[in-house]
């Protein structure tokens, strides 16, 4: 079913792509990303992730991420001294419709895409 929309906290991934049905872990150290994950855990475990175009950008916005990403379910968060390690499972491929907010964390609306 295409067209289903999601308004979720978002994480811009550096050098990583997550696909539907994939289980993967990644490290998070950006404060905005940590807050997005915290919000997702508090409200149902779903998160929108998309790969960042330029890995050097510290504060990515809508123009800095690819338009196709994935809605993931957070399975586990391990807090480490300098960052957090997050285990997720990809649920559905989604397109970035708009960036709803960039503070205090990225919040995006995505639309489920075919495939």
PDB file of N, CA and C in Angstrom:
ATOM      1  N   UNK A   1       0.848  -1.185   0.000  1.00  0.00           N
ATOM      2  CA  UNK A   1       0.000   0.000   0.000  1.00  0.00           C
ATOM      3  C   UNK A   1       0.884   1.235   0.000  1.00  0.00           C
ATOM      4  N   UNK A   2       0.752   2.081  -0.979  1.00  0.00           N
ATOM      5  CA  UNK A   2       1.530   3.306  -1.028  1.00  0.00           C
ATOM      6  C   UNK A   2       0.680   4.454  -0.530  1.00  0.00           C
ATOM      7  N   UNK A   3       1.341   5.544  -0.170  1.00  0.00           N
ATOM      8  CA  UNK A   3       0.631   6.739   0.227  1.00  0.00           C
ATOM      9  C   UNK A   3       0.421   6.908   1.714  1.00  0.00           C
ATOM     10  N   UNK A   4       0.620   5.861   2.514  1.00  0.00           N
ATOM     11  CA  UNK A   4       0.484   5.990   3.965  1.00  0.00           C
ATOM     12  C   UNK A   4       1.549   6.962   4.463  1.00  0.00           C
ATOM     13  N   UNK A   5       1.160   7.930   5.306  1.00  0.00           N
ATOM     14  CA  UNK A   5       2.124   8.925   5.769  1.00  0.00           C
ATOM     15  C   UNK A   5       2.467   8.716   7.237  1.00  0.00           C
ATOM     16  N   UNK A   6       3.677   9.157   7.586  1.00  0.00           N
ATOM     17  CA  UNK A   6       4.197   9.040   8.933  1.00  0.00           C
ATOM     18  C   UNK A   6       4.802  10.376   9.343  1.00  0.00           C
ATOM     19  N   UNK A   7       4.510  10.845  10.533  1.00  0.00           N
ATOM     20  CA  UNK A   7       5.195  12.000  11.100  1.00  0.00           C
ATOM     21  C   UNK A   7       6.005  11.464  12.271  1.00  0.00           C
ATOM     22  N   UNK A   8       7.315  11.434  12.087  1.00  0.00           N
ATOM     23  CA  UNK A   8       8.189  10.760  13.045  1.00  0.00           C
ATOM     24  C   UNK A   8       9.453  11.556  13.327  1.00  0.00           C
ATOM     25  N   UNK A   9      10.068  11.312  14.476  1.00  0.00           N
ATOM     26  CA  UNK A   9      11.411  11.841  14.699  1.00  0.00           C
ATOM     27  C   UNK A   9      12.331  11.255  13.618  1.00  0.00           C
ATOM     28  N   UNK A  10      13.352  12.013  13.248  1.00  0.00           N
ATOM     29  CA  UNK A  10      14.222  11.596  12.138  1.00  0.00           C
ATOM     30  C   UNK A  10      15.685  11.639  12.544  1.00  0.00           C
ATOM     31  N   UNK A  11      16.448  10.702  12.005  1.00  0.00           N
ATOM     32  CA  UNK A  11      17.899  10.693  12.159  1.00  0.00           C
ATOM     33  C   UNK A  11      18.517  10.668  10.772  1.00  0.00           C
ATOM     34  N   UNK A  12      19.453  11.592  10.531  1.00  0.00           N
ATOM     35  CA  UNK A  12      20.233  11.606   9.299  1.00  0.00           C
ATOM     36  C   UNK A  12      21.454  10.710   9.535  1.00  0.00           C
ATOM     37  N   UNK A  13      21.571   9.658   8.732  1.00  0.00           N
ATOM     38  CA  UNK A  13      22.646   8.682   8.907  1.00  0.00           C
ATOM     39  C   UNK A  13      23.872   9.079   8.097  1.00  0.00           C
ATOM     40  N   UNK A  14      25.040   8.925   8.703  1.00  0.00           N
ATOM     41  CA  UNK A  14      26.301   9.211   8.010  1.00  0.00           C
ATOM     42  C   UNK A  14      26.894   7.919   7.461  1.00  0.00           C
ATOM     43  N   UNK A  15      26.984   7.833   6.134  1.00  0.00           N
ATOM     44  CA  UNK A  15      27.636   6.699   5.488  1.00  0.00           C
ATOM     45  C   UNK A  15      26.925   5.375   5.694  1.00  0.00           C
ATOM     46  N   UNK A  16      25.619   5.410   5.861  1.00  0.00           N
ATOM     47  CA  UNK A  16      24.872   4.198   6.161  1.00  0.00           C
ATOM     48  C   UNK A  16      23.468   4.315   5.586  1.00  0.00           C
ATOM     49  N   UNK A  17      22.959   3.226   5.054  1.00  0.00           N
ATOM     50  CA  UNK A  17      21.586   3.153   4.582  1.00  0.00           C
ATOM     51  C   UNK A  17      20.939   1.942   5.236  1.00  0.00           C
ATOM     52  N   UNK A  18      19.710   2.079   5.649  1.00  0.00           N
ATOM     53  CA  UNK A  18      18.966   0.963   6.228  1.00  0.00           C
ATOM     54  C   UNK A  18      17.777   0.667   5.326  1.00  0.00           C
ATOM     55  N   UNK A  19      17.598  -0.597   5.016  1.00  0.00           N
ATOM     56  CA  UNK A  19      16.544  -1.037   4.105  1.00  0.00           C
ATOM     57  C   UNK A  19      15.456  -1.781   4.865  1.00  0.00           C
ATOM     58  N   UNK A  20      14.265  -1.874   4.280  1.00  0.00           N
ATOM     59  CA  UNK A  20      13.212  -2.676   4.913  1.00  0.00           C
ATOM     60  C   UNK A  20      13.682  -4.116   5.140  1.00  0.00           C
ATOM     61  N   UNK A  21      13.248  -4.695   6.238  1.00  0.00           N
ATOM     62  CA  UNK A  21      13.567  -6.061   6.651  1.00  0.00           C
ATOM     63  C   UNK A  21      15.024  -6.262   7.054  1.00  0.00           C
ATOM     64  N   UNK A  22      15.781  -5.190   7.175  1.00  0.00           N
ATOM     65  CA  UNK A  22      17.180  -5.274   7.597  1.00  0.00           C
ATOM     66  C   UNK A  22      17.275  -4.923   9.081  1.00  0.00           C
ATOM     67  N   UNK A  23      18.064  -5.695   9.812  1.00  0.00           N
ATOM     68  CA  UNK A  23      18.339  -5.393  11.216  1.00  0.00           C
ATOM     69  C   UNK A  23      19.768  -4.888  11.271  1.00  0.00           C
ATOM     70  N   UNK A  24      19.944  -3.713  11.887  1.00  0.00           N
ATOM     71  CA  UNK A  24      21.260  -3.067  11.856  1.00  0.00           C
ATOM     72  C   UNK A  24      21.455  -2.224  13.096  1.00  0.00           C
ATOM     73  N   UNK A  25      22.695  -2.057  13.487  1.00  0.00           N
ATOM     74  CA  UNK A  25      22.981  -1.133  14.584  1.00  0.00           C
ATOM     75  C   UNK A  25      23.875  -0.023  14.065  1.00  0.00           C
ATOM     76  N   UNK A  26      23.786   1.133  14.716  1.00  0.00           N
ATOM     77  CA  UNK A  26      24.641   2.261  14.379  1.00  0.00           C
ATOM     78  C   UNK A  26      24.857   3.090  15.631  1.00  0.00           C
ATOM     79  N   UNK A  27      25.953   3.841  15.624  1.00  0.00           N
ATOM     80  CA  UNK A  27      26.282   4.706  16.753  1.00  0.00           C
ATOM     81  C   UNK A  27      25.771   6.108  16.497  1.00  0.00           C
ATOM     82  N   UNK A  28      25.299   6.751  17.553  1.00  0.00           N
ATOM     83  CA  UNK A  28      24.747   8.098  17.464  1.00  0.00           C
ATOM     84  C   UNK A  28      25.455   8.970  18.493  1.00  0.00           C
ATOM     85  N   UNK A  29      25.951  10.128  18.034  1.00  0.00           N
ATOM     86  CA  UNK A  29      26.589  11.053  18.974  1.00  0.00           C
ATOM     87  C   UNK A  29      26.058  12.477  18.864  1.00  0.00           C
ATOM     88  N   UNK A  30      25.388  12.811  17.747  1.00  0.00           N
ATOM     89  CA  UNK A  30      24.807  14.149  17.609  1.00  0.00           C
ATOM     90  C   UNK A  30      23.661  14.331  18.588  1.00  0.00           C
ATOM     91  N   UNK A  31      23.636  15.467  19.255  1.00  0.00           N
ATOM     92  CA  UNK A  31      22.608  15.736  20.265  1.00  0.00           C
ATOM     93  C   UNK A  31      21.197  15.674  19.667  1.00  0.00           C
ATOM     94  N   UNK A  32      21.011  16.244  18.474  1.00  0.00           N
ATOM     95  CA  UNK A  32      19.683  16.212  17.839  1.00  0.00           C
ATOM     96  C   UNK A  32      19.236  14.777  17.565  1.00  0.00           C
ATOM     97  N   UNK A  33      20.150  13.945  17.143  1.00  0.00           N
ATOM     98  CA  UNK A  33      19.821  12.553  16.856  1.00  0.00           C
ATOM     99  C   UNK A  33      19.500  11.796  18.137  1.00  0.00           C
ATOM    100  N   UNK A  34      20.260  12.064  19.191  1.00  0.00           N
ATOM    101  CA  UNK A  34      19.990  11.430  20.482  1.00  0.00           C
ATOM    102  C   UNK A  34      18.605  11.818  20.996  1.00  0.00           C
ATOM    103  N   UNK A  35      18.241  13.090  20.825  1.00  0.00           N
ATOM    104  CA  UNK A  35      16.920  13.548  21.254  1.00  0.00           C
ATOM    105  C   UNK A  35      15.811  12.921  20.406  1.00  0.00           C
ATOM    106  N   UNK A  36      16.057  12.764  19.102  1.00  0.00           N
ATOM    107  CA  UNK A  36      15.070  12.131  18.222  1.00  0.00           C
ATOM    108  C   UNK A  36      14.837  10.683  18.636  1.00  0.00           C
ATOM    109  N   UNK A  37      15.895   9.985  18.973  1.00  0.00           N
ATOM    110  CA  UNK A  37      15.781   8.592  19.402  1.00  0.00           C
ATOM    111  C   UNK A  37      15.043   8.508  20.730  1.00  0.00           C
ATOM    112  N   UNK A  38      15.365   9.408  21.631  1.00  0.00           N
ATOM    113  CA  UNK A  38      14.683   9.452  22.931  1.00  0.00           C
ATOM    114  C   UNK A  38      13.173   9.667  22.743  1.00  0.00           C
ATOM    115  N   UNK A  39      12.822  10.583  21.866  1.00  0.00           N
ATOM    116  CA  UNK A  39      11.415  10.875  21.580  1.00  0.00           C
ATOM    117  C   UNK A  39      10.722   9.661  20.948  1.00  0.00           C
ATOM    118  N   UNK A  40      11.408   8.995  20.023  1.00  0.00           N
ATOM    119  CA  UNK A  40      10.838   7.818  19.375  1.00  0.00           C
ATOM    120  C   UNK A  40      10.591   6.703  20.388  1.00  0.00           C
ATOM    121  N   UNK A  41      11.531   6.484  21.287  1.00  0.00           N
ATOM    122  CA  UNK A  41      11.370   5.448  22.307  1.00  0.00           C
ATOM    123  C   UNK A  41      10.187   5.778  23.209  1.00  0.00           C
ATOM    124  N   UNK A  42      10.055   7.048  23.542  1.00  0.00           N
ATOM    125  CA  UNK A  42       8.969   7.490  24.413  1.00  0.00           C
ATOM    126  C   UNK A  42       7.600   7.317  23.754  1.00  0.00           C
ATOM    127  N   UNK A  43       7.544   7.430  22.410  1.00  0.00           N
ATOM    128  CA  UNK A  43       6.265   7.446  21.703  1.00  0.00           C
ATOM    129  C   UNK A  43       6.056   6.302  20.725  1.00  0.00           C
ATOM    130  N   UNK A  44       6.587   5.140  20.993  1.00  0.00           N
ATOM    131  CA  UNK A  44       6.221   4.000  20.150  1.00  0.00           C
ATOM    132  C   UNK A  44       7.311   3.356  19.337  1.00  0.00           C
ATOM    133  N   UNK A  45       8.562   3.792  19.487  1.00  0.00           N
ATOM    134  CA  UNK A  45       9.712   3.115  18.894  1.00  0.00           C
ATOM    135  C   UNK A  45       9.946   3.335  17.401  1.00  0.00           C
ATOM    136  N   UNK A  46       9.130   4.095  16.698  1.00  0.00           N
ATOM    137  CA  UNK A  46       9.327   4.299  15.255  1.00  0.00           C
ATOM    138  C   UNK A  46      10.179   5.545  15.009  1.00  0.00           C
ATOM    139  N   UNK A  47      10.986   5.473  13.946  1.00  0.00           N
ATOM    140  CA  UNK A  47      11.923   6.531  13.603  1.00  0.00           C
ATOM    141  C   UNK A  47      12.054   6.549  12.085  1.00  0.00           C
ATOM    142  N   UNK A  48      12.193   7.742  11.507  1.00  0.00           N
ATOM    143  CA  UNK A  48      12.459   7.859  10.070  1.00  0.00           C
ATOM    144  C   UNK A  48      13.957   8.087   9.918  1.00  0.00           C
ATOM    145  N   UNK A  49      14.614   7.291   9.088  1.00  0.00           N
ATOM    146  CA  UNK A  49      16.044   7.457   8.859  1.00  0.00           C
ATOM    147  C   UNK A  49      16.298   7.645   7.367  1.00  0.00           C
ATOM    148  N   UNK A  50      17.267   8.486   7.069  1.00  0.00           N
ATOM    149  CA  UNK A  50      17.671   8.721   5.687  1.00  0.00           C
ATOM    150  C   UNK A  50      19.158   9.027   5.668  1.00  0.00           C
ATOM    151  N   UNK A  51      19.831   8.605   4.623  1.00  0.00           N
ATOM    152  CA  UNK A  51      21.267   8.834   4.509  1.00  0.00           C
ATOM    153  C   UNK A  51      21.570  10.303   4.235  1.00  0.00           C
ATOM    154  N   UNK A  52      22.611  10.783   4.848  1.00  0.00           N
ATOM    155  CA  UNK A  52      23.077  12.150   4.671  1.00  0.00           C
ATOM    156  C   UNK A  52      23.926  12.221   3.403  1.00  0.00           C
ATOM    157  N   UNK A  53      23.728  13.252   2.586  1.00  0.00           N
ATOM    158  CA  UNK A  53      24.469  13.395   1.328  1.00  0.00           C
ATOM    159  C   UNK A  53      25.941  13.721   1.559  1.00  0.00           C
ATOM    160  N   UNK A  54      26.218  14.683   2.415  1.00  0.00           N
ATOM    161  CA  UNK A  54      27.587  15.110   2.711  1.00  0.00           C
ATOM    162  C   UNK A  54      27.886  14.768   4.165  1.00  0.00           C
ATOM    163  N   UNK A  55      28.820  13.854   4.374  1.00  0.00           N
ATOM    164  CA  UNK A  55      29.119  13.371   5.717  1.00  0.00           C
ATOM    165  C   UNK A  55      29.720  14.435   6.630  1.00  0.00           C
ATOM    166  N   UNK A  56      30.235  15.513   6.064  1.00  0.00           N
ATOM    167  CA  UNK A  56      30.896  16.551   6.855  1.00  0.00           C
ATOM    168  C   UNK A  56      29.923  17.530   7.511  1.00  0.00           C
ATOM    169  N   UNK A  57      28.682  17.581   7.058  1.00  0.00           N
ATOM    170  CA  UNK A  57      27.715  18.534   7.600  1.00  0.00           C
ATOM    171  C   UNK A  57      27.289  18.081   8.990  1.00  0.00           C
ATOM    172  N   UNK A  58      27.472  18.974   9.967  1.00  0.00           N
ATOM    173  CA  UNK A  58      27.165  18.650  11.366  1.00  0.00           C
ATOM    174  C   UNK A  58      25.688  18.816  11.714  1.00  0.00           C
ATOM    175  N   UNK A  59      25.008  19.763  11.095  1.00  0.00           N
ATOM    176  CA  UNK A  59      23.595  20.039  11.384  1.00  0.00           C
ATOM    177  C   UNK A  59      22.774  19.890  10.107  1.00  0.00           C
ATOM    178  N   UNK A  60      22.502  18.649   9.670  1.00  0.00           N
ATOM    179  CA  UNK A  60      21.789  18.457   8.399  1.00  0.00           C
ATOM    180  C   UNK A  60      20.337  18.898   8.474  1.00  0.00           C
ATOM    181  N   UNK A  61      19.869  19.429   7.358  1.00  0.00           N
ATOM    182  CA  UNK A  61      18.467  19.804   7.193  1.00  0.00           C
ATOM    183  C   UNK A  61      17.871  18.987   6.060  1.00  0.00           C
ATOM    184  N   UNK A  62      16.697  19.349   5.602  1.00  0.00           N
ATOM    185  CA  UNK A  62      15.995  18.596   4.561  1.00  0.00           C
ATOM    186  C   UNK A  62      16.803  18.490   3.268  1.00  0.00           C
ATOM    187  N   UNK A  63      17.519  19.556   2.923  1.00  0.00           N
ATOM    188  CA  UNK A  63      18.290  19.554   1.677  1.00  0.00           C
ATOM    189  C   UNK A  63      19.567  18.718   1.768  1.00  0.00           C
ATOM    190  N   UNK A  64      19.924  18.274   2.975  1.00  0.00           N
ATOM    191  CA  UNK A  64      21.177  17.546   3.195  1.00  0.00           C
ATOM    192  C   UNK A  64      21.004  16.032   3.270  1.00  0.00           C
ATOM    193  N   UNK A  65      19.765  15.544   3.131  1.00  0.00           N
ATOM    194  CA  UNK A  65      19.514  14.100   3.195  1.00  0.00           C
ATOM    195  C   UNK A  65      18.826  13.648   1.911  1.00  0.00           C
ATOM    196  N   UNK A  66      18.967  12.373   1.612  1.00  0.00           N
ATOM    197  CA  UNK A  66      18.283  11.819   0.441  1.00  0.00           C
ATOM    198  C   UNK A  66      16.786  11.756   0.702  1.00  0.00           C
ATOM    199  N   UNK A  67      16.006  11.889  -0.358  1.00  0.00           N
ATOM    200  CA  UNK A  67      14.558  11.939  -0.227  1.00  0.00           C
ATOM    201  C   UNK A  67      13.919  10.591   0.079  1.00  0.00           C
ATOM    202  N   UNK A  68      14.633   9.503  -0.164  1.00  0.00           N
ATOM    203  CA  UNK A  68      14.106   8.175   0.150  1.00  0.00           C
ATOM    204  C   UNK A  68      14.860   7.628   1.346  1.00  0.00           C
ATOM    205  N   UNK A  69      14.093   7.199   2.335  1.00  0.00           N
ATOM    206  CA  UNK A  69      14.672   6.626   3.550  1.00  0.00           C
ATOM    207  C   UNK A  69      13.868   5.424   3.978  1.00  0.00           C
ATOM    208  N   UNK A  70      13.854   5.182   5.282  1.00  0.00           N
ATOM    209  CA  UNK A  70      13.178   4.000   5.799  1.00  0.00           C
ATOM    210  C   UNK A  70      12.568   4.326   7.159  1.00  0.00           C
ATOM    211  N   UNK A  71      11.393   3.795   7.406  1.00  0.00           N
ATOM    212  CA  UNK A  71      10.810   3.843   8.744  1.00  0.00           C
ATOM    213  C   UNK A  71      11.338   2.611   9.458  1.00  0.00           C
ATOM    214  N   UNK A  72      11.939   2.821  10.616  1.00  0.00           N
ATOM    215  CA  UNK A  72      12.529   1.724  11.384  1.00  0.00           C
ATOM    216  C   UNK A  72      11.886   1.637  12.759  1.00  0.00           C
ATOM    217  N   UNK A  73      11.984   0.454  13.341  1.00  0.00           N
ATOM    218  CA  UNK A  73      11.569   0.248  14.720  1.00  0.00           C
ATOM    219  C   UNK A  73      12.824   0.112  15.565  1.00  0.00           C
ATOM    220  N   UNK A  74      12.884   0.871  16.647  1.00  0.00           N
ATOM    221  CA  UNK A  74      14.031   0.789  17.553  1.00  0.00           C
ATOM    222  C   UNK A  74      13.863  -0.453  18.414  1.00  0.00           C
ATOM    223  N   UNK A  75      14.853  -1.333  18.374  1.00  0.00           N
ATOM    224  CA  UNK A  75      14.825  -2.568  19.150  1.00  0.00           C
ATOM    225  C   UNK A  75      15.591  -2.447  20.465  1.00  0.00           C
ATOM    226  N   UNK A  76      16.668  -1.641  20.440  1.00  0.00           N
ATOM    227  CA  UNK A  76      17.492  -1.519  21.642  1.00  0.00           C
ATOM    228  C   UNK A  76      18.334  -0.252  21.546  1.00  0.00           C
ATOM    229  N   UNK A  77      18.520   0.392  22.682  1.00  0.00           N
ATOM    230  CA  UNK A  77      19.418   1.545  22.780  1.00  0.00           C
ATOM    231  C   UNK A  77      20.377   1.273  23.931  1.00  0.00           C
ATOM    232  N   UNK A  78      21.676   1.303  23.631  1.00  0.00           N
ATOM    233  CA  UNK A  78      22.697   1.115  24.651  1.00  0.00           C
ATOM    234  C   UNK A  78      23.447   2.433  24.789  1.00  0.00           C
ATOM    235  N   UNK A  79      23.367   3.021  25.966  1.00  0.00           N
ATOM    236  CA  UNK A  79      24.054   4.291  26.205  1.00  0.00           C
ATOM    237  C   UNK A  79      25.494   4.007  26.596  1.00  0.00           C
ATOM    238  N   UNK A  80      26.419   4.606  25.858  1.00  0.00           N
ATOM    239  CA  UNK A  80      27.849   4.482  26.094  1.00  0.00           C
ATOM    240  C   UNK A  80      28.375   5.821  26.597  1.00  0.00           C
ATOM    241  N   UNK A  81      29.621   5.876  27.054  1.00  0.00           N
ATOM    242  CA  UNK A  81      30.126   7.142  27.622  1.00  0.00           C
ATOM    243  C   UNK A  81      30.042   8.349  26.687  1.00  0.00           C
ATOM    244  N   UNK A  82      30.341   8.178  25.391  1.00  0.00           N
ATOM    245  CA  UNK A  82      30.362   9.331  24.486  1.00  0.00           C
ATOM    246  C   UNK A  82      29.266   9.315  23.433  1.00  0.00           C
ATOM    247  N   UNK A  83      28.513   8.225  23.349  1.00  0.00           N
ATOM    248  CA  UNK A  83      27.449   8.133  22.350  1.00  0.00           C
ATOM    249  C   UNK A  83      26.461   7.052  22.767  1.00  0.00           C
ATOM    250  N   UNK A  84      25.576   6.698  21.868  1.00  0.00           N
ATOM    251  CA  UNK A  84      24.635   5.596  22.081  1.00  0.00           C
ATOM    252  C   UNK A  84      24.694   4.674  20.878  1.00  0.00           C
ATOM    253  N   UNK A  85      24.526   3.397  21.130  1.00  0.00           N
ATOM    254  CA  UNK A  85      24.444   2.415  20.044  1.00  0.00           C
ATOM    255  C   UNK A  85      22.988   1.988  19.948  1.00  0.00           C
ATOM    256  N   UNK A  86      22.438   2.079  18.732  1.00  0.00           N
ATOM    257  CA  UNK A  86      21.020   1.831  18.509  1.00  0.00           C
ATOM    258  C   UNK A  86      20.860   0.637  17.569  1.00  0.00           C
ATOM    259  N   UNK A  87      20.018  -0.306  17.961  1.00  0.00           N
ATOM    260  CA  UNK A  87      19.686  -1.456  17.128  1.00  0.00           C
ATOM    261  C   UNK A  87      18.286  -1.221  16.566  1.00  0.00           C
ATOM    262  N   UNK A  88      18.167  -1.277  15.243  1.00  0.00           N
ATOM    263  CA  UNK A  88      16.882  -1.023  14.592  1.00  0.00           C
ATOM    264  C   UNK A  88      16.568  -2.125  13.593  1.00  0.00           C
ATOM    265  N   UNK A  89      15.288  -2.228  13.262  1.00  0.00           N
ATOM    266  CA  UNK A  89      14.881  -3.104  12.158  1.00  0.00           C
ATOM    267  C   UNK A  89      14.082  -2.258  11.170  1.00  0.00           C
ATOM    268  N   UNK A  90      14.452  -2.361   9.902  1.00  0.00           N
ATOM    269  CA  UNK A  90      13.768  -1.608   8.860  1.00  0.00           C
ATOM    270  C   UNK A  90      12.378  -2.155   8.629  1.00  0.00           C
ATOM    271  N   UNK A  91      11.412  -1.261   8.540  1.00  0.00           N
ATOM    272  CA  UNK A  91      10.021  -1.679   8.347  1.00  0.00           C
ATOM    273  C   UNK A  91       9.552  -1.433   6.915  1.00  0.00           C
ATOM    274  N   UNK A  92       9.517  -0.170   6.493  1.00  0.00           N
ATOM    275  CA  UNK A  92       9.042   0.167   5.148  1.00  0.00           C
ATOM    276  C   UNK A  92       9.887   1.292   4.560  1.00  0.00           C
ATOM    277  N   UNK A  93      10.007   1.268   3.242  1.00  0.00           N
ATOM    278  CA  UNK A  93      10.669   2.356   2.534  1.00  0.00           C
ATOM    279  C   UNK A  93       9.727   3.547   2.509  1.00  0.00           C
ATOM    280  N   UNK A  94      10.275   4.735   2.705  1.00  0.00           N
ATOM    281  CA  UNK A  94       9.434   5.937   2.728  1.00  0.00           C
ATOM    282  C   UNK A  94      10.165   7.099   2.077  1.00  0.00           C
ATOM    283  N   UNK A  95       9.384   8.000   1.500  1.00  0.00           N
ATOM    284  CA  UNK A  95       9.926   9.220   0.896  1.00  0.00           C
ATOM    285  C   UNK A  95       9.723  10.379   1.851  1.00  0.00           C
ATOM    286  N   UNK A  96      10.705  11.243   1.920  1.00  0.00           N
ATOM    287  CA  UNK A  96      10.610  12.445   2.739  1.00  0.00           C
ATOM    288  C   UNK A  96       9.662  13.419   2.051  1.00  0.00           C
ATOM    289  N   UNK A  97       8.543  13.728   2.702  1.00  0.00           N
ATOM    290  CA  UNK A  97       7.571  14.674   2.162  1.00  0.00           C
ATOM    291  C   UNK A  97       7.961  16.087   2.568  1.00  0.00           C
ATOM    292  N   UNK A  98       8.271  16.256   3.861  1.00  0.00           N
ATOM    293  CA  UNK A  98       8.697  17.568   4.360  1.00  0.00           C
ATOM    294  C   UNK A  98       9.384  17.403   5.707  1.00  0.00           C
ATOM    295  N   UNK A  99      10.201  18.378   6.022  1.00  0.00           N
ATOM    296  CA  UNK A  99      10.831  18.448   7.334  1.00  0.00           C
ATOM    297  C   UNK A  99       9.921  19.328   8.180  1.00  0.00           C
ATOM    298  N   UNK A 100       9.299  18.752   9.198  1.00  0.00           N
ATOM    299  CA  UNK A 100       8.368  19.492  10.035  1.00  0.00           C
ATOM    300  C   UNK A 100       9.069  20.397  11.036  1.00  0.00           C
ATOM    301  N   UNK A 101      10.221  19.950  11.521  1.00  0.00           N
ATOM    302  CA  UNK A 101      10.946  20.721  12.531  1.00  0.00           C
ATOM    303  C   UNK A 101      12.407  20.311  12.527  1.00  0.00           C
ATOM    304  N   UNK A 102      13.282  21.262  12.833  1.00  0.00           N
ATOM    305  CA  UNK A 102      14.703  20.951  12.955  1.00  0.00           C
ATOM    306  C   UNK A 102      15.208  21.173  14.369  1.00  0.00           C
ATOM    307  N   UNK A 103      14.339  21.662  15.261  1.00  0.00           N
ATOM    308  CA  UNK A 103      14.728  21.841  16.661  1.00  0.00           C
ATOM    309  C   UNK A 103      13.609  21.366  17.562  1.00  0.00           C
ATOM    310  N   UNK A 104      13.843  20.750  18.663  1.00  0.00           N
ATOM    311  CA  UNK A 104      15.153  20.401  19.225  1.00  0.00           C
ATOM    312  C   UNK A 104      15.780  19.186  18.546  1.00  0.00           C
ATOM    313  N   UNK A 105      14.989  18.492  17.696  1.00  0.00           N
ATOM    314  CA  UNK A 105      15.486  17.366  16.910  1.00  0.00           C
ATOM    315  C   UNK A 105      14.770  17.395  15.568  1.00  0.00           C
ATOM    316  N   UNK A 106      15.256  16.592  14.622  1.00  0.00           N
ATOM    317  CA  UNK A 106      14.610  16.534  13.310  1.00  0.00           C
ATOM    318  C   UNK A 106      13.290  15.771  13.428  1.00  0.00           C
ATOM    319  N   UNK A 107      12.227  16.360  12.883  1.00  0.00           N
ATOM    320  CA  UNK A 107      10.905  15.731  12.826  1.00  0.00           C
ATOM    321  C   UNK A 107      10.487  15.795  11.364  1.00  0.00           C
ATOM    322  N   UNK A 108      10.131  14.657  10.783  1.00  0.00           N
ATOM    323  CA  UNK A 108       9.830  14.611   9.356  1.00  0.00           C
ATOM    324  C   UNK A 108       8.519  13.904   9.094  1.00  0.00           C
ATOM    325  N   UNK A 109       7.895  14.299   7.987  1.00  0.00           N
ATOM    326  CA  UNK A 109       6.753  13.562   7.484  1.00  0.00           C
ATOM    327  C   UNK A 109       7.230  12.791   6.278  1.00  0.00           C
ATOM    328  N   UNK A 110       6.971  11.493   6.308  1.00  0.00           N
ATOM    329  CA  UNK A 110       7.349  10.618   5.212  1.00  0.00           C
ATOM    330  C   UNK A 110       6.131   9.904   4.678  1.00  0.00           C
ATOM    331  N   UNK A 111       6.212   9.473   3.450  1.00  0.00           N
ATOM    332  CA  UNK A 111       5.125   8.751   2.808  1.00  0.00           C
ATOM    333  C   UNK A 111       5.643   7.399   2.333  1.00  0.00           C
ATOM    334  N   UNK A 112       4.927   6.357   2.664  1.00  0.00           N
ATOM    335  CA  UNK A 112       5.331   5.018   2.274  1.00  0.00           C
ATOM    336  C   UNK A 112       5.385   4.925   0.754  1.00  0.00           C
ATOM    337  N   UNK A 113       6.450   4.307   0.235  1.00  0.00           N
ATOM    338  CA  UNK A 113       6.625   4.145  -1.203  1.00  0.00           C
ATOM    339  C   UNK A 113       6.580   2.675  -1.562  1.00  0.00           C
ATOM    340  N   UNK A 114       6.301   2.404  -2.809  1.00  0.00           N
ATOM    341  CA  UNK A 114       6.255   1.007  -3.284  1.00  0.00           C
ATOM    342  C   UNK A 114       7.653   0.420  -3.265  1.00  0.00           C
ATOM    343  N   UNK A 115       7.716  -0.866  -3.060  1.00  0.00           N
ATOM    344  CA  UNK A 115       8.999  -1.552  -3.162  1.00  0.00           C
ATOM    345  C   UNK A 115       9.461  -2.216  -1.939  1.00  0.00           C
TER     346      UNK A 115
END
